[in-house]
Protein backbone atom coordinates (compact mmCIF):
# COMPACT_ATOMS: atom_id res chain seq x y z
CA UNK A 1 185.61 42.49 28.48
CA UNK A 2 187.86 39.46 28.96
CA UNK A 3 189.69 39.05 32.24
CA UNK A 4 191.98 36.46 30.66
CA UNK A 5 190.39 33.44 32.31
CA UNK A 6 188.46 32.62 29.14
CA UNK A 7 191.58 32.53 26.93
CA UNK A 8 193.14 29.36 25.52
CA UNK A 9 196.04 28.79 23.17
CA UNK A 10 195.08 27.50 19.71
CA UNK A 11 197.90 28.37 17.29
CA UNK A 12 201.67 28.90 17.43
CA UNK A 13 203.57 30.15 14.36
CA UNK A 14 206.75 28.33 13.35
CA UNK A 15 208.83 30.22 10.80
CA UNK A 16 209.99 27.95 7.97
CA UNK A 17 211.76 28.60 4.70
CA UNK A 18 209.69 26.27 2.53
CA UNK A 19 206.19 25.10 3.40
CA UNK A 20 206.35 21.91 1.28
CA UNK A 21 209.59 20.84 2.98
CA UNK A 22 208.16 21.83 6.37
CA UNK A 23 205.09 19.70 5.74
CA UNK A 24 207.27 16.69 4.93
CA UNK A 25 209.42 17.30 8.00
CA UNK A 26 206.72 17.96 10.59
CA UNK A 27 204.29 15.34 9.22
CA UNK A 28 206.57 12.57 7.98
CA UNK A 29 209.56 12.87 10.33
CA UNK A 30 208.02 14.16 13.58
CA UNK A 31 204.67 12.44 13.06
CA UNK A 32 202.36 15.44 13.48
CA UNK A 33 199.04 15.42 11.67
CA UNK A 34 197.98 17.94 9.05
CA UNK A 35 195.15 20.10 10.36
CA UNK A 36 194.69 22.61 7.54
CA UNK A 37 196.24 23.08 4.12
CA UNK A 38 194.44 25.65 2.02
CA UNK A 39 194.91 28.81 0.00
CA UNK A 40 195.20 31.97 2.07
CA UNK A 41 194.93 34.81 -0.44
CA UNK A 42 198.16 34.66 -2.44
CA UNK A 43 199.69 32.48 0.31
CA UNK A 44 199.02 29.12 1.94
CA UNK A 45 197.55 28.41 5.38
CA UNK A 46 199.29 25.23 6.54
CA UNK A 47 198.93 23.86 10.06
CA UNK A 48 199.97 20.68 11.82
CA UNK A 49 199.58 19.44 15.37
CA UNK A 50 200.08 16.54 17.77
CA UNK A 51 197.46 13.82 17.35
CA UNK A 52 196.90 13.80 21.13
CA UNK A 53 196.19 17.56 21.23
CA UNK A 54 193.52 18.44 18.66
CA UNK A 55 193.08 21.97 20.04
CA UNK A 56 196.65 23.14 19.24
CA UNK A 57 197.99 23.88 15.77
CA UNK A 58 201.42 24.94 14.57
CA UNK A 59 201.19 27.35 11.64
CA UNK A 60 204.04 26.51 9.26
CA UNK A 61 204.57 30.14 8.37
CA UNK A 62 206.57 31.36 5.40
CA UNK A 63 208.38 34.72 5.74
CA UNK A 64 205.99 36.32 3.27
CA UNK A 65 202.99 35.72 5.57
CA UNK A 66 204.12 38.75 7.57
CA UNK A 67 201.70 41.71 7.62
CA UNK A 68 204.03 44.04 5.67
CA UNK A 69 207.26 43.93 3.66
CA UNK A 70 209.52 45.15 6.50
CA UNK A 71 208.33 42.27 8.68
CA UNK A 72 208.77 39.81 5.80
CA UNK A 73 212.32 41.10 5.30
CA UNK A 74 213.01 40.68 9.03
CA UNK A 75 211.64 37.11 8.88
CA UNK A 76 213.92 36.28 5.95
CA UNK A 77 216.89 37.69 7.93
CA UNK A 78 215.92 35.52 10.93
CA UNK A 79 215.87 32.47 8.67
CA UNK A 80 219.26 33.36 7.22
CA UNK A 81 220.79 33.75 10.70
CA UNK A 82 219.27 30.53 12.07
CA UNK A 83 217.88 32.47 15.03
CA UNK A 84 214.54 30.77 15.43
CA UNK A 85 212.03 29.73 18.06
CA UNK A 86 211.55 26.70 20.27
CA UNK A 87 208.89 24.00 20.46
CA UNK A 88 208.89 21.68 23.47
CA UNK A 89 207.09 18.36 23.19
CA UNK A 90 206.34 15.88 25.94
CA UNK A 91 207.34 12.28 25.31
CA UNK A 92 206.95 9.09 27.33
CA UNK A 93 210.43 7.89 26.35
CA UNK A 94 213.19 10.43 25.69
CA UNK A 95 215.72 7.72 24.77
CA UNK A 96 213.44 6.15 22.13
CA UNK A 97 212.53 9.57 20.75
CA UNK A 98 216.20 10.51 20.54
CA UNK A 99 217.05 7.25 18.78
CA UNK A 100 214.19 7.61 16.26
CA UNK A 101 214.93 11.24 15.38
CA UNK A 102 218.70 10.73 15.27
CA UNK A 103 218.19 7.81 12.89
CA UNK A 104 216.01 10.09 10.73
CA UNK A 105 218.99 12.42 10.36
CA UNK A 106 217.90 15.38 12.49
CA UNK A 107 220.62 17.76 13.66
CA UNK A 108 221.24 17.02 17.34
CA UNK A 109 221.24 20.09 19.57
CA UNK A 110 221.51 18.14 22.85
CA UNK A 111 221.68 14.42 23.61
CA UNK A 112 219.40 12.95 26.25
CA UNK A 113 220.12 14.68 29.55
CA UNK A 114 218.53 14.71 33.00
CA UNK A 115 217.68 18.31 33.84
CA UNK A 116 217.60 19.76 37.38
CA UNK A 117 214.03 20.97 36.79
CA UNK A 118 212.62 17.46 36.67
CA UNK A 119 212.74 16.24 33.07
CA UNK A 120 214.90 14.01 30.95
CA UNK A 121 215.13 15.69 27.56
CA UNK A 122 216.91 15.97 24.26
CA UNK A 123 217.05 18.61 21.56
CA UNK A 124 217.21 18.83 17.80
CA UNK A 125 217.06 21.54 15.14
CA UNK A 126 214.57 21.54 12.29
CA UNK A 127 215.86 22.40 8.79
CA UNK A 128 215.44 26.17 9.50
CA UNK A 129 217.07 26.28 12.92
CA UNK A 130 213.98 26.03 15.12
CA UNK A 131 214.80 24.26 18.37
CA UNK A 132 212.79 21.11 19.02
CA UNK A 133 212.94 19.70 22.53
CA UNK A 134 211.48 16.42 23.70
CA UNK A 135 210.91 16.11 27.46
CA UNK A 136 210.09 13.11 29.59
CA UNK A 137 209.04 13.88 33.17
CA UNK A 138 211.29 12.26 35.76
CA UNK A 139 209.51 10.12 38.34
């Protein structure tokens, strides 16, 4: 039986409305690499991740990947309301990241700000309302 010390995080699901658009956004705009893109029964298993972290993958999950119709309906309602999750990335330069992503047309959620908990960060929204934060540790 596991005591929890042998556990490690491998996948995080990110709810998106369209997997093709999500692939373009997360790969081409954010710069993540495609890890897997293959049929998954009647669906598609699509994952991306940071180049520097090969052990972590973000599943670009469509609402219909839910285990049953009630959950799929709830996922569609979450998408419609814009009430999504959060991904926090570390960056070496919050200002440069903010400039690059602003120039790419991302919706700004928060400009670069020094936080009392020791990071300089900024925030954006992906096309489905997921919060994307980019944090630079303060020296």
